[in-house]
């Protein structure tokens, strides 16, 4: 395994553990994930927003 891949794997593991800890201690909640998903949809599908499409998830 190359040095670059090893570093990438270590960073990935670090981030996954960080996400898990943030989830367990309620820094990340389903409401926040929903808001992030809606924001990402609006960013990548901005032309639909301009056409009046509602990109809110779940109502």
PDB file of N, CA and C in Angstrom:
ATOM      1  N   UNK A   1       0.860  -1.177   0.000  1.00  0.00           N
ATOM      2  CA  UNK A   1       0.000   0.000   0.000  1.00  0.00           C
ATOM      3  C   UNK A   1       0.898   1.229   0.000  1.00  0.00           C
ATOM      4  N   UNK A   2       0.606   2.154  -0.876  1.00  0.00           N
ATOM      5  CA  UNK A   2       1.438   3.350  -0.979  1.00  0.00           C
ATOM      6  C   UNK A   2       1.190   4.270   0.215  1.00  0.00           C
ATOM      7  N   UNK A   3       2.122   5.166   0.391  1.00  0.00           N
ATOM      8  CA  UNK A   3       2.042   6.101   1.507  1.00  0.00           C
ATOM      9  C   UNK A   3       0.802   6.988   1.403  1.00  0.00           C
ATOM     10  N   UNK A   4       0.472   7.416   0.167  1.00  0.00           N
ATOM     11  CA  UNK A   4      -0.679   8.277  -0.051  1.00  0.00           C
ATOM     12  C   UNK A   4      -1.971   7.567   0.326  1.00  0.00           C
ATOM     13  N   UNK A   5      -2.095   6.308  -0.058  1.00  0.00           N
ATOM     14  CA  UNK A   5      -3.310   5.551   0.264  1.00  0.00           C
ATOM     15  C   UNK A   5      -3.428   5.314   1.762  1.00  0.00           C
ATOM     16  N   UNK A   6      -2.316   5.058   2.413  1.00  0.00           N
ATOM     17  CA  UNK A   6      -2.339   4.845   3.859  1.00  0.00           C
ATOM     18  C   UNK A   6      -2.801   6.105   4.579  1.00  0.00           C
ATOM     19  N   UNK A   7      -2.276   7.250   4.161  1.00  0.00           N
ATOM     20  CA  UNK A   7      -2.699   8.512   4.780  1.00  0.00           C
ATOM     21  C   UNK A   7      -4.177   8.773   4.523  1.00  0.00           C
ATOM     22  N   UNK A   8      -4.621   8.518   3.310  1.00  0.00           N
ATOM     23  CA  UNK A   8      -6.033   8.717   2.985  1.00  0.00           C
ATOM     24  C   UNK A   8      -6.926   7.816   3.827  1.00  0.00           C
ATOM     25  N   UNK A   9      -6.505   6.581   4.022  1.00  0.00           N
ATOM     26  CA  UNK A   9      -7.275   5.650   4.843  1.00  0.00           C
ATOM     27  C   UNK A   9      -7.336   6.109   6.291  1.00  0.00           C
ATOM     28  N   UNK A  10      -6.236   6.612   6.812  1.00  0.00           N
ATOM     29  CA  UNK A  10      -6.206   7.104   8.190  1.00  0.00           C
ATOM     30  C   UNK A  10      -7.119   8.317   8.340  1.00  0.00           C
ATOM     31  N   UNK A  11      -7.085   9.231   7.363  1.00  0.00           N
ATOM     32  CA  UNK A  11      -7.955  10.411   7.414  1.00  0.00           C
ATOM     33  C   UNK A  11      -9.422   9.994   7.325  1.00  0.00           C
ATOM     34  N   UNK A  12      -9.730   9.041   6.465  1.00  0.00           N
ATOM     35  CA  UNK A  12     -11.106   8.560   6.338  1.00  0.00           C
ATOM     36  C   UNK A  12     -11.592   7.946   7.647  1.00  0.00           C
ATOM     37  N   UNK A  13     -10.783   7.119   8.265  1.00  0.00           N
ATOM     38  CA  UNK A  13     -11.153   6.501   9.547  1.00  0.00           C
ATOM     39  C   UNK A  13     -11.358   7.577  10.611  1.00  0.00           C
ATOM     40  N   UNK A  14     -10.479   8.577  10.637  1.00  0.00           N
ATOM     41  CA  UNK A  14     -10.582   9.667  11.597  1.00  0.00           C
ATOM     42  C   UNK A  14     -11.905  10.419  11.428  1.00  0.00           C
ATOM     43  N   UNK A  15     -12.267  10.716  10.175  1.00  0.00           N
ATOM     44  CA  UNK A  15     -13.509  11.447   9.904  1.00  0.00           C
ATOM     45  C   UNK A  15     -14.728  10.608  10.265  1.00  0.00           C
ATOM     46  N   UNK A  16     -14.714   9.324   9.931  1.00  0.00           N
ATOM     47  CA  UNK A  16     -15.844   8.443  10.259  1.00  0.00           C
ATOM     48  C   UNK A  16     -16.028   8.350  11.764  1.00  0.00           C
ATOM     49  N   UNK A  17     -14.949   8.207  12.509  1.00  0.00           N
ATOM     50  CA  UNK A  17     -15.055   8.160  13.972  1.00  0.00           C
ATOM     51  C   UNK A  17     -15.578   9.492  14.505  1.00  0.00           C
ATOM     52  N   UNK A  18     -15.120  10.596  13.934  1.00  0.00           N
ATOM     53  CA  UNK A  18     -15.605  11.917  14.348  1.00  0.00           C
ATOM     54  C   UNK A  18     -17.090  12.086  14.098  1.00  0.00           C
ATOM     55  N   UNK A  19     -17.564  11.625  12.948  1.00  0.00           N
ATOM     56  CA  UNK A  19     -18.995  11.691  12.650  1.00  0.00           C
ATOM     57  C   UNK A  19     -19.788  10.849  13.639  1.00  0.00           C
ATOM     58  N   UNK A  20     -19.290   9.667  13.953  1.00  0.00           N
ATOM     59  CA  UNK A  20     -19.974   8.795  14.914  1.00  0.00           C
ATOM     60  C   UNK A  20     -20.061   9.457  16.298  1.00  0.00           C
ATOM     61  N   UNK A  21     -18.960  10.023  16.749  1.00  0.00           N
ATOM     62  CA  UNK A  21     -18.950  10.669  18.072  1.00  0.00           C
ATOM     63  C   UNK A  21     -19.898  11.866  18.079  1.00  0.00           C
ATOM     64  N   UNK A  22     -19.888  12.661  17.005  1.00  0.00           N
ATOM     65  CA  UNK A  22     -20.792  13.807  16.929  1.00  0.00           C
ATOM     66  C   UNK A  22     -22.248  13.352  16.932  1.00  0.00           C
ATOM     67  N   UNK A  23     -22.540  12.231  16.274  1.00  0.00           N
ATOM     68  CA  UNK A  23     -23.905  11.690  16.256  1.00  0.00           C
ATOM     69  C   UNK A  23     -24.316  11.226  17.658  1.00  0.00           C
ATOM     70  N   UNK A  24     -23.425  10.512  18.338  1.00  0.00           N
ATOM     71  CA  UNK A  24     -23.738   9.979  19.670  1.00  0.00           C
ATOM     72  C   UNK A  24     -23.983  11.109  20.665  1.00  0.00           C
ATOM     73  N   UNK A  25     -23.211  12.203  20.554  1.00  0.00           N
ATOM     74  CA  UNK A  25     -23.360  13.310  21.484  1.00  0.00           C
ATOM     75  C   UNK A  25     -24.317  14.391  20.970  1.00  0.00           C
ATOM     76  N   UNK A  26     -25.141  14.045  19.981  1.00  0.00           N
ATOM     77  CA  UNK A  26     -26.213  14.896  19.455  1.00  0.00           C
ATOM     78  C   UNK A  26     -25.741  16.217  18.863  1.00  0.00           C
ATOM     79  N   UNK A  27     -24.529  16.247  18.324  1.00  0.00           N
ATOM     80  CA  UNK A  27     -24.109  17.399  17.543  1.00  0.00           C
ATOM     81  C   UNK A  27     -24.622  17.279  16.110  1.00  0.00           C
ATOM     82  N   UNK A  28     -24.853  16.057  15.678  1.00  0.00           N
ATOM     83  CA  UNK A  28     -25.462  15.791  14.376  1.00  0.00           C
ATOM     84  C   UNK A  28     -26.796  15.104  14.653  1.00  0.00           C
ATOM     85  N   UNK A  29     -27.874  15.697  14.131  1.00  0.00           N
ATOM     86  CA  UNK A  29     -29.213  15.152  14.338  1.00  0.00           C
ATOM     87  C   UNK A  29     -29.884  14.941  12.983  1.00  0.00           C
ATOM     88  N   UNK A  30     -30.963  14.171  12.950  1.00  0.00           N
ATOM     89  CA  UNK A  30     -31.685  14.014  11.681  1.00  0.00           C
ATOM     90  C   UNK A  30     -32.162  15.343  11.091  1.00  0.00           C
ATOM     91  N   UNK A  31     -32.524  16.290  11.944  1.00  0.00           N
ATOM     92  CA  UNK A  31     -32.978  17.596  11.446  1.00  0.00           C
ATOM     93  C   UNK A  31     -31.851  18.330  10.725  1.00  0.00           C
ATOM     94  N   UNK A  32     -30.652  18.257  11.283  1.00  0.00           N
ATOM     95  CA  UNK A  32     -29.501  18.900  10.638  1.00  0.00           C
ATOM     96  C   UNK A  32     -29.200  18.212   9.311  1.00  0.00           C
ATOM     97  N   UNK A  33     -29.265  16.876   9.291  1.00  0.00           N
ATOM     98  CA  UNK A  33     -29.007  16.150   8.049  1.00  0.00           C
ATOM     99  C   UNK A  33     -30.025  16.510   6.980  1.00  0.00           C
ATOM    100  N   UNK A  34     -31.276  16.688   7.389  1.00  0.00           N
ATOM    101  CA  UNK A  34     -32.323  17.089   6.443  1.00  0.00           C
ATOM    102  C   UNK A  34     -32.036  18.477   5.888  1.00  0.00           C
ATOM    103  N   UNK A  35     -31.642  19.403   6.749  1.00  0.00           N
ATOM    104  CA  UNK A  35     -31.332  20.759   6.300  1.00  0.00           C
ATOM    105  C   UNK A  35     -30.145  20.774   5.343  1.00  0.00           C
ATOM    106  N   UNK A  36     -29.129  19.969   5.642  1.00  0.00           N
ATOM    107  CA  UNK A  36     -27.958  19.892   4.764  1.00  0.00           C
ATOM    108  C   UNK A  36     -28.347  19.297   3.411  1.00  0.00           C
ATOM    109  N   UNK A  37     -29.179  18.260   3.432  1.00  0.00           N
ATOM    110  CA  UNK A  37     -29.623  17.641   2.177  1.00  0.00           C
ATOM    111  C   UNK A  37     -30.420  18.630   1.336  1.00  0.00           C
ATOM    112  N   UNK A  38     -31.305  19.401   1.972  1.00  0.00           N
ATOM    113  CA  UNK A  38     -32.078  20.398   1.239  1.00  0.00           C
ATOM    114  C   UNK A  38     -31.170  21.472   0.656  1.00  0.00           C
ATOM    115  N   UNK A  39     -30.182  21.892   1.416  1.00  0.00           N
ATOM    116  CA  UNK A  39     -29.258  22.916   0.932  1.00  0.00           C
ATOM    117  C   UNK A  39     -28.449  22.388  -0.253  1.00  0.00           C
ATOM    118  N   UNK A  40     -27.980  21.156  -0.175  1.00  0.00           N
ATOM    119  CA  UNK A  40     -27.215  20.584  -1.282  1.00  0.00           C
ATOM    120  C   UNK A  40     -28.067  20.433  -2.533  1.00  0.00           C
ATOM    121  N   UNK A  41     -29.319  20.019  -2.350  1.00  0.00           N
ATOM    122  CA  UNK A  41     -30.228  19.936  -3.498  1.00  0.00           C
ATOM    123  C   UNK A  41     -30.421  21.304  -4.137  1.00  0.00           C
ATOM    124  N   UNK A  42     -30.600  22.319  -3.325  1.00  0.00           N
ATOM    125  CA  UNK A  42     -30.802  23.663  -3.850  1.00  0.00           C
ATOM    126  C   UNK A  42     -29.557  24.167  -4.580  1.00  0.00           C
ATOM    127  N   UNK A  43     -28.379  23.823  -4.094  1.00  0.00           N
ATOM    128  CA  UNK A  43     -27.141  24.257  -4.740  1.00  0.00           C
ATOM    129  C   UNK A  43     -26.961  23.569  -6.084  1.00  0.00           C
ATOM    130  N   UNK A  44     -27.156  22.253  -6.123  1.00  0.00           N
ATOM    131  CA  UNK A  44     -26.904  21.512  -7.351  1.00  0.00           C
ATOM    132  C   UNK A  44     -28.062  21.571  -8.349  1.00  0.00           C
ATOM    133  N   UNK A  45     -29.256  21.862  -7.861  1.00  0.00           N
ATOM    134  CA  UNK A  45     -30.424  21.945  -8.743  1.00  0.00           C
ATOM    135  C   UNK A  45     -31.009  23.357  -8.733  1.00  0.00           C
ATOM    136  N   UNK A  46     -30.133  24.369  -8.709  1.00  0.00           N
ATOM    137  CA  UNK A  46     -30.563  25.760  -8.587  1.00  0.00           C
ATOM    138  C   UNK A  46     -31.514  26.179  -9.696  1.00  0.00           C
ATOM    139  N   UNK A  47     -31.357  25.601 -10.870  1.00  0.00           N
ATOM    140  CA  UNK A  47     -32.234  25.977 -11.978  1.00  0.00           C
ATOM    141  C   UNK A  47     -33.669  25.563 -11.710  1.00  0.00           C
ATOM    142  N   UNK A  48     -33.867  24.460 -10.958  1.00  0.00           N
ATOM    143  CA  UNK A  48     -35.227  24.066 -10.596  1.00  0.00           C
ATOM    144  C   UNK A  48     -35.828  25.034  -9.578  1.00  0.00           C
ATOM    145  N   UNK A  49     -34.992  25.529  -8.676  1.00  0.00           N
ATOM    146  CA  UNK A  49     -35.452  26.510  -7.688  1.00  0.00           C
ATOM    147  C   UNK A  49     -35.934  27.765  -8.407  1.00  0.00           C
ATOM    148  N   UNK A  50     -35.180  28.191  -9.434  1.00  0.00           N
ATOM    149  CA  UNK A  50     -35.587  29.376 -10.193  1.00  0.00           C
ATOM    150  C   UNK A  50     -36.888  29.151 -10.940  1.00  0.00           C
ATOM    151  N   UNK A  51     -37.184  27.903 -11.287  1.00  0.00           N
ATOM    152  CA  UNK A  51     -38.435  27.581 -11.978  1.00  0.00           C
ATOM    153  C   UNK A  51     -39.604  27.374 -11.011  1.00  0.00           C
ATOM    154  N   UNK A  52     -39.338  27.494  -9.697  1.00  0.00           N
ATOM    155  CA  UNK A  52     -40.404  27.407  -8.711  1.00  0.00           C
ATOM    156  C   UNK A  52     -40.612  26.037  -8.106  1.00  0.00           C
ATOM    157  N   UNK A  53     -39.683  25.100  -8.342  1.00  0.00           N
ATOM    158  CA  UNK A  53     -39.816  23.757  -7.770  1.00  0.00           C
ATOM    159  C   UNK A  53     -39.439  23.807  -6.292  1.00  0.00           C
ATOM    160  N   UNK A  54     -40.267  23.197  -5.459  1.00  0.00           N
ATOM    161  CA  UNK A  54     -40.009  23.134  -4.020  1.00  0.00           C
ATOM    162  C   UNK A  54     -39.112  21.937  -3.726  1.00  0.00           C
ATOM    163  N   UNK A  55     -37.911  22.201  -3.233  1.00  0.00           N
ATOM    164  CA  UNK A  55     -36.951  21.141  -2.948  1.00  0.00           C
ATOM    165  C   UNK A  55     -36.895  20.765  -1.473  1.00  0.00           C
ATOM    166  N   UNK A  56     -37.885  21.190  -0.693  1.00  0.00           N
ATOM    167  CA  UNK A  56     -37.911  20.817   0.719  1.00  0.00           C
ATOM    168  C   UNK A  56     -38.259  19.334   0.847  1.00  0.00           C
ATOM    169  N   UNK A  57     -37.510  18.654   1.693  1.00  0.00           N
ATOM    170  CA  UNK A  57     -37.688  17.216   1.883  1.00  0.00           C
ATOM    171  C   UNK A  57     -38.759  16.981   2.944  1.00  0.00           C
ATOM    172  N   UNK A  58     -39.707  16.140   2.656  1.00  0.00           N
ATOM    173  CA  UNK A  58     -40.724  15.753   3.628  1.00  0.00           C
ATOM    174  C   UNK A  58     -41.778  16.805   3.886  1.00  0.00           C
ATOM    175  N   UNK A  59     -42.061  17.625   2.950  1.00  0.00           N
ATOM    176  CA  UNK A  59     -43.147  18.563   3.120  1.00  0.00           C
ATOM    177  C   UNK A  59     -42.689  19.944   3.098  1.00  0.00           C
TER     178      UNK A  59
END
